[in-house]
């Protein structure tokens, strides 16, 4: 009776006779061809698949099973249209194989097992996705994320938002390109420090402003070049200090307007040279104060706003302590003429040309 029942069961369930109802270990022999974007996975060409050999309990190849080619790999997460988590196992990896419907021609891979391979470090409570010891993404038991790779990382998105209490980046070099506008808002202080050269370049306009103080400091030389016009406006006092020499070269005209008083103090000598005419005009009084005033050339005075008549002095003259002194060689070179001029030693009504000048 027992054998009869067994025979009936084997006829009704032939997979029991071949042991196809039991899971078996298998070894990955080779991976299939890598799928391209949008490639369709079919039964006769699943693409995401591997070649297998079935193993016996002693982990040796089972000769009662053929070599299976292009057995589809399971997708642990996802599995929709062009979605999911995919990874080809290495050659020699062990997996568990079952047979759908108890048919030997329908092998399916249930799971990949890391038997016979070296494992990465993993603590309790951690989650690890690792491609190699140098490329992995880890979440530790405290929830900290770590992503590391010895190769490149390329990210592309329509928009990106990063929010953090603290942000720190340690880079060897950086190259950033912004196709449109770029705005940066800092609630407190911002410091930019360059070890060698700092270059700021604008194609159309550059604005640097401060609601408070603005300090520009250069430990070495400083150069300011403007191809067009330059305008400087100071609301209050303007102080400039040069410890060395200062030179100003103006190719065209110069205009200077002082609405208050103007004081120039020169501790050394001062020289003013003009190839043309020099005009000094005062609405009130022009005062030259010095122990000695030397005039070389012709000195002419003209009536101004109804004042006295004109006077002309020829020769080299020295005005010392309010008196005009003429050197002897200059007198010989040319006579001195005083027209309409009163001076010490000449009585009113007498000739305007006399010897008291310089005599």
Protein backbone atom coordinates (compact mmCIF):
# COMPACT_ATOMS: atom_id res chain seq x y z
CA UNK A 1 0.00 0.00 0.00
CA UNK A 2 2.82 2.41 0.88
CA UNK A 3 4.52 1.95 -2.45
CA UNK A 4 1.21 2.37 -4.25
CA UNK A 5 0.54 5.66 -2.52
CA UNK A 6 4.08 6.83 -3.27
CA UNK A 7 3.68 5.95 -6.93
CA UNK A 8 0.40 7.83 -7.16
CA UNK A 9 1.93 10.92 -5.46
CA UNK A 10 4.94 10.85 -7.76
CA UNK A 11 2.69 10.71 -10.79
CA UNK A 12 0.60 13.61 -9.54
CA UNK A 13 3.62 15.62 -8.30
CA UNK A 14 6.55 14.77 -10.53
CA UNK A 15 8.66 17.57 -9.00
CA UNK A 16 8.87 15.51 -5.84
CA UNK A 17 10.62 12.74 -7.69
CA UNK A 18 13.30 15.09 -9.01
CA UNK A 19 13.53 17.05 -5.79
CA UNK A 20 12.54 20.24 -7.63
CA UNK A 21 10.36 21.35 -4.75
CA UNK A 22 13.50 21.98 -2.68
CA UNK A 23 15.75 25.02 -2.91
CA UNK A 24 19.28 24.33 -4.07
CA UNK A 25 22.57 26.16 -3.95
CA UNK A 26 24.06 27.31 -7.24
CA UNK A 27 27.27 29.04 -8.27
CA UNK A 28 27.40 32.04 -10.60
CA UNK A 29 29.54 31.23 -13.62
CA UNK A 30 29.21 34.40 -15.69
CA UNK A 31 27.08 37.51 -16.03
CA UNK A 32 24.92 38.23 -19.03
CA UNK A 33 25.21 41.13 -21.42
CA UNK A 34 24.75 44.51 -19.77
CA UNK A 35 21.37 46.04 -20.61
CA UNK A 36 21.22 49.40 -22.34
CA UNK A 37 18.80 52.20 -21.50
CA UNK A 38 15.25 51.09 -22.27
CA UNK A 39 16.20 47.49 -23.19
CA UNK A 40 13.35 45.02 -22.61
CA UNK A 41 13.85 42.04 -20.32
CA UNK A 42 12.22 38.92 -21.78
CA UNK A 43 12.20 35.27 -20.77
CA UNK A 44 14.41 34.18 -23.64
CA UNK A 45 16.69 37.22 -23.24
CA UNK A 46 16.35 38.65 -19.75
CA UNK A 47 19.61 40.66 -20.09
CA UNK A 48 19.84 41.21 -16.34
CA UNK A 49 20.81 37.59 -15.74
CA UNK A 50 23.67 35.18 -14.97
CA UNK A 51 24.78 31.67 -15.91
CA UNK A 52 24.52 29.07 -13.12
CA UNK A 53 25.59 25.59 -12.17
CA UNK A 54 23.56 23.68 -9.55
CA UNK A 55 25.47 22.39 -6.52
CA UNK A 56 24.87 19.36 -4.36
CA UNK A 57 24.85 19.24 -0.56
CA UNK A 58 28.64 18.89 -0.65
CA UNK A 59 28.83 22.21 -2.62
CA UNK A 60 30.13 20.37 -5.67
CA UNK A 61 28.48 20.59 -9.11
CA UNK A 62 25.43 18.33 -9.44
CA UNK A 63 25.74 16.37 -12.68
CA UNK A 64 22.00 15.66 -12.76
CA UNK A 65 21.31 19.31 -13.60
CA UNK A 66 22.42 21.07 -16.74
CA UNK A 67 24.22 24.38 -16.86
CA UNK A 68 21.62 27.13 -16.85
CA UNK A 69 22.21 30.18 -19.02
CA UNK A 70 20.63 33.61 -18.64
CA UNK A 71 18.79 32.99 -15.38
CA UNK A 72 17.09 36.28 -14.36
CA UNK A 73 18.43 37.99 -11.27
CA UNK A 74 16.00 39.17 -8.60
CA UNK A 75 15.46 42.89 -7.98
CA UNK A 76 15.52 43.58 -4.26
CA UNK A 77 13.92 47.03 -4.43
CA UNK A 78 11.58 48.32 -7.11
CA UNK A 79 11.22 46.41 -10.34
CA UNK A 80 9.11 48.80 -12.43
CA UNK A 81 9.75 50.36 -15.80
CA UNK A 82 13.43 51.36 -15.76
CA UNK A 83 13.40 51.45 -11.96
CA UNK A 84 14.78 49.38 -9.11
CA UNK A 85 18.08 48.47 -7.49
CA UNK A 86 20.39 46.46 -9.75
CA UNK A 87 23.81 44.88 -9.24
CA UNK A 88 25.48 41.96 -11.03
CA UNK A 89 27.02 39.41 -8.64
CA UNK A 90 30.66 38.44 -9.08
CA UNK A 91 31.64 35.16 -10.70
CA UNK A 92 31.77 32.43 -8.05
CA UNK A 93 29.08 33.98 -5.86
CA UNK A 94 26.61 31.53 -4.29
CA UNK A 95 22.87 31.86 -4.66
CA UNK A 96 19.73 29.91 -3.78
CA UNK A 97 17.77 28.57 -6.75
CA UNK A 98 14.19 27.31 -6.89
CA UNK A 99 12.11 25.94 -9.74
CA UNK A 100 8.82 27.59 -10.62
CA UNK A 101 5.89 25.18 -10.99
CA UNK A 102 8.28 22.38 -10.09
CA UNK A 103 9.67 22.49 -13.61
CA UNK A 104 13.37 22.01 -14.21
CA UNK A 105 13.31 24.45 -17.16
CA UNK A 106 12.04 27.31 -14.94
CA UNK A 107 14.90 28.08 -12.53
CA UNK A 108 14.61 31.23 -10.45
CA UNK A 109 17.20 32.88 -8.21
CA UNK A 110 15.73 33.57 -4.81
CA UNK A 111 18.69 35.23 -3.08
CA UNK A 112 22.44 35.89 -3.36
CA UNK A 113 24.49 34.75 -0.35
CA UNK A 114 27.93 36.12 0.57
CA UNK A 115 29.36 32.66 1.25
CA UNK A 116 33.04 32.16 0.58
CA UNK A 117 33.79 35.88 0.13
CA UNK A 118 35.31 38.52 2.41
CA UNK A 119 32.82 40.80 4.17
CA UNK A 120 32.97 44.55 4.87
CA UNK A 121 32.94 45.91 8.40
CA UNK A 122 29.40 46.21 9.71
CA UNK A 123 28.22 47.13 13.20
CA UNK A 124 24.86 46.31 14.70
CA UNK A 125 22.28 48.88 13.66
CA UNK A 126 24.23 49.99 10.58
CA UNK A 127 23.00 49.98 6.98
CA UNK A 128 25.66 49.60 4.30
CA UNK A 129 25.56 49.74 0.52
CA UNK A 130 29.05 49.03 -0.77
CA UNK A 131 30.49 48.51 -4.23
CA UNK A 132 34.10 48.19 -3.06
CA UNK A 133 36.08 49.04 0.10
CA UNK A 134 36.72 52.50 -1.38
CA UNK A 135 33.19 53.18 -2.69
CA UNK A 136 30.32 52.86 -0.25
CA UNK A 137 27.44 54.58 1.50
CA UNK A 138 26.90 53.85 5.17
CA UNK A 139 24.36 54.80 7.83
CA UNK A 140 25.57 54.08 11.35
CA UNK A 141 23.47 53.20 14.38
CA UNK A 142 23.18 56.89 15.35
CA UNK A 143 21.78 57.85 11.94
CA UNK A 144 24.94 59.48 10.58
CA UNK A 145 25.44 59.14 6.83
CA UNK A 146 28.81 58.62 5.19
CA UNK A 147 29.32 58.50 1.45
CA UNK A 148 32.80 57.83 0.12
CA UNK A 149 34.40 56.94 -3.20
CA UNK A 150 37.87 56.96 -4.68
CA UNK A 151 36.40 57.87 -8.09
CA UNK A 152 34.07 60.62 -9.31
CA UNK A 153 30.56 61.61 -8.17
CA UNK A 154 28.24 63.19 -10.75
CA UNK A 155 24.91 64.64 -9.65
CA UNK A 156 22.26 66.23 -11.84
CA UNK A 157 18.92 67.67 -10.76
CA UNK A 158 16.36 70.28 -11.75
CA UNK A 159 16.54 71.91 -8.32
CA UNK A 160 18.56 71.24 -5.19
CA UNK A 161 18.02 72.39 -1.62
CA UNK A 162 20.57 71.83 1.14
CA UNK A 163 19.75 72.84 4.72
CA UNK A 164 22.25 72.39 7.54
CA UNK A 165 23.27 74.08 10.77
CA UNK A 166 26.95 73.80 9.83
CA UNK A 167 28.53 73.22 6.43
CA UNK A 168 32.19 72.41 5.89
CA UNK A 169 33.95 71.58 2.61
CA UNK A 170 37.62 70.66 2.23
CA UNK A 171 38.53 70.81 -1.47
CA UNK A 172 41.74 70.50 -3.41
CA UNK A 173 40.48 72.81 -6.17
CA UNK A 174 37.09 74.22 -7.15
CA UNK A 175 35.58 75.31 -10.45
CA UNK A 176 32.00 76.58 -10.37
CA UNK A 177 29.99 77.81 -13.36
CA UNK A 178 26.63 79.60 -13.00
CA UNK A 179 24.71 80.14 -16.24
CA UNK A 180 22.29 82.75 -14.84
CA UNK A 181 22.15 84.88 -11.67
CA UNK A 182 23.87 83.98 -8.40
CA UNK A 183 22.83 85.47 -5.05
CA UNK A 184 24.43 84.82 -1.68
CA UNK A 185 23.01 86.15 1.58
CA UNK A 186 25.02 85.98 4.81
CA UNK A 187 23.37 86.92 8.09
CA UNK A 188 26.61 87.59 9.95
CA UNK A 189 30.30 87.87 9.01
CA UNK A 190 31.86 86.44 5.83
CA UNK A 191 35.59 86.02 5.28
CA UNK A 192 37.29 85.17 1.98
CA UNK A 193 41.01 84.46 2.26
CA UNK A 194 43.27 83.68 -0.71
CA UNK A 195 46.82 82.52 -0.14
CA UNK A 196 48.22 84.08 -3.32
CA UNK A 197 45.92 85.93 -5.75
CA UNK A 198 42.28 87.06 -5.47
CA UNK A 199 40.64 88.17 -8.72
CA UNK A 200 37.15 89.68 -9.02
CA UNK A 201 36.08 90.39 -12.61
CA UNK A 202 32.76 91.72 -13.92
CA UNK A 203 31.86 92.00 -17.59
CA UNK A 204 29.65 95.10 -17.26
CA UNK A 205 29.61 96.58 -13.76
CA UNK A 206 30.96 95.87 -10.28
CA UNK A 207 29.52 97.41 -7.09
CA UNK A 208 31.16 97.30 -3.67
CA UNK A 209 29.18 98.97 -0.91
CA UNK A 210 28.88 99.09 2.85
CA UNK A 211 26.23 100.60 5.11
CA UNK A 212 28.97 101.17 7.69
CA UNK A 213 32.72 101.54 7.37
CA UNK A 214 34.73 100.31 4.36
CA UNK A 215 38.42 99.49 4.76
CA UNK A 216 40.81 98.65 1.92
CA UNK A 217 44.31 97.62 3.02
CA UNK A 218 47.26 96.54 0.88
CA UNK A 219 50.49 95.32 2.43
CA UNK A 220 52.34 95.95 -0.85
CA UNK A 221 51.66 98.13 -3.88
CA UNK A 222 48.21 99.33 -4.93
CA UNK A 223 47.15 100.17 -8.49
CA UNK A 224 43.90 101.83 -9.57
CA UNK A 225 43.27 102.02 -13.33
CA UNK A 226 40.16 103.50 -14.94
CA UNK A 227 39.76 103.64 -18.72
CA UNK A 228 36.86 106.11 -18.50
CA UNK A 229 35.89 108.90 -16.12
CA UNK A 230 36.38 108.62 -12.36
CA UNK A 231 34.33 110.45 -9.73
CA UNK A 232 34.91 110.51 -5.99
CA UNK A 233 32.43 111.95 -3.48
CA UNK A 234 33.23 112.34 0.23
CA UNK A 235 30.45 113.42 2.59
CA UNK A 236 32.77 114.62 5.36
CA UNK A 237 36.51 115.10 5.83
CA UNK A 238 39.05 113.57 3.44
CA UNK A 239 42.58 112.95 4.69
CA UNK A 240 45.40 111.59 2.54
CA UNK A 241 48.87 110.75 3.88
CA UNK A 242 51.87 109.81 1.73
CA UNK A 243 55.09 108.90 3.55
CA UNK A 244 57.13 108.92 0.32
CA UNK A 245 56.85 110.88 -2.92
CA UNK A 246 53.65 111.68 -4.79
CA UNK A 247 53.38 112.47 -8.48
CA UNK A 248 50.30 113.51 -10.44
CA UNK A 249 50.41 113.57 -14.26
CA UNK A 250 47.43 115.24 -15.96
CA UNK A 251 47.38 115.08 -19.76
CA UNK A 252 44.76 117.84 -20.13
CA UNK A 253 43.33 120.57 -17.88
CA UNK A 254 42.90 120.69 -14.13
CA UNK A 255 40.26 122.51 -12.13
CA UNK A 256 40.27 122.96 -8.36
CA UNK A 257 37.49 124.67 -6.42
CA UNK A 258 37.74 125.32 -2.69
CA UNK A 259 34.61 126.83 -1.12
CA UNK A 260 36.40 127.57 2.15
CA UNK A 261 40.00 128.40 3.06
CA UNK A 262 42.98 126.74 1.36
CA UNK A 263 46.29 126.22 3.14
CA UNK A 264 49.37 124.60 1.61
CA UNK A 265 52.35 123.91 3.89
CA UNK A 266 55.67 122.92 2.32
CA UNK A 267 58.53 122.16 4.69
CA UNK A 268 61.07 122.08 1.85
CA UNK A 269 61.28 123.97 -1.43
CA UNK A 270 58.38 124.46 -3.85
CA UNK A 271 58.68 125.12 -7.56
CA UNK A 272 55.85 126.02 -9.93
CA UNK A 273 56.68 125.89 -13.65
CA UNK A 274 54.33 126.94 -16.43
CA UNK A 275 55.12 127.07 -20.15
CA UNK A 276 52.30 129.54 -20.62
CA UNK A 277 50.80 132.39 -18.64
CA UNK A 278 50.24 132.16 -14.89
CA UNK A 279 47.33 134.13 -13.44
CA UNK A 280 46.69 134.63 -9.74
CA UNK A 281 43.49 136.54 -9.01
CA UNK A 282 42.23 137.64 -5.61
CA UNK A 283 39.01 139.50 -4.90
CA UNK A 284 40.62 141.25 -1.92
CA UNK A 285 44.34 141.20 -1.21
CA UNK A 286 47.32 139.20 -2.48
CA UNK A 287 49.97 138.83 0.19
CA UNK A 288 53.50 137.53 -0.38
CA UNK A 289 55.25 137.14 2.97
CA UNK A 290 58.93 136.18 3.09
CA UNK A 291 62.23 137.64 4.34
CA UNK A 292 63.31 138.00 0.70
CA UNK A 293 61.11 138.19 -2.41
CA UNK A 294 63.14 137.89 -5.63
CA UNK A 295 61.65 138.79 -9.00
CA UNK A 296 63.62 138.00 -12.16
CA UNK A 297 62.26 139.54 -15.36
CA UNK A 298 59.68 142.26 -15.93
CA UNK A 299 57.19 143.22 -13.24
CA UNK A 300 54.16 145.16 -14.46
CA UNK A 301 51.22 146.43 -12.44
CA UNK A 302 48.00 147.61 -14.01
CA UNK A 303 45.03 149.52 -12.67
CA UNK A 304 42.37 147.22 -11.25
CA UNK A 305 38.79 148.29 -10.61
CA UNK A 306 39.55 152.04 -10.48
CA UNK A 307 42.77 151.69 -8.51
CA UNK A 308 46.11 153.55 -9.09
CA UNK A 309 47.78 153.68 -12.48
CA UNK A 310 50.14 151.11 -13.91
CA UNK A 311 53.82 150.61 -13.12
CA UNK A 312 56.59 148.65 -14.82
CA UNK A 313 59.91 147.49 -13.37
CA UNK A 314 62.64 146.17 -15.66
CA UNK A 315 65.54 144.07 -14.47
CA UNK A 316 66.18 141.77 -11.55
CA UNK A 317 64.70 143.01 -8.31
CA UNK A 318 64.85 141.99 -4.71
CA UNK A 319 62.23 143.17 -2.26
CA UNK A 320 63.73 143.05 1.23
CA UNK A 321 62.04 144.46 4.34
CA UNK A 322 59.59 146.54 2.25
CA UNK A 323 62.37 148.15 0.06
CA UNK A 324 63.22 147.45 -3.58
CA UNK A 325 66.89 146.61 -4.21
CA UNK A 326 68.46 146.48 -7.69
CA UNK A 327 71.87 144.81 -8.19
CA UNK A 328 74.50 146.97 -9.89
CA UNK A 329 74.95 144.66 -12.85
CA UNK A 330 71.21 144.74 -13.49
CA UNK A 331 71.21 148.55 -13.43
CA UNK A 332 73.94 148.58 -16.04
CA UNK A 333 72.10 146.00 -18.09
CA UNK A 334 69.00 148.15 -18.24
CA UNK A 335 67.62 151.24 -16.56
CA UNK A 336 64.91 150.98 -13.98
CA UNK A 337 61.64 152.68 -14.89
CA UNK A 338 58.93 153.45 -12.37
CA UNK A 339 55.84 154.92 -14.00
CA UNK A 340 53.05 156.20 -11.76
CA UNK A 341 54.83 154.67 -8.78
CA UNK A 342 55.62 156.43 -5.48
CA UNK A 343 58.45 155.20 -3.35
CA UNK A 344 60.83 156.35 -0.65
CA UNK A 345 63.25 159.12 -1.76
CA UNK A 346 61.14 160.54 -4.61
CA UNK A 347 59.04 163.62 -3.93
CA UNK A 348 55.54 163.93 -5.36
CA UNK A 349 55.52 165.74 -8.72
CA UNK A 350 59.15 164.89 -9.48
CA UNK A 351 60.33 162.68 -12.31
CA UNK A 352 59.21 159.05 -12.05
CA UNK A 353 62.63 157.87 -13.12
CA UNK A 354 65.28 158.44 -10.45
CA UNK A 355 68.28 157.04 -8.74
CA UNK A 356 66.81 156.43 -5.27
CA UNK A 357 65.74 152.97 -6.36
CA UNK A 358 68.68 150.79 -5.50
CA UNK A 359 70.78 153.85 -4.75
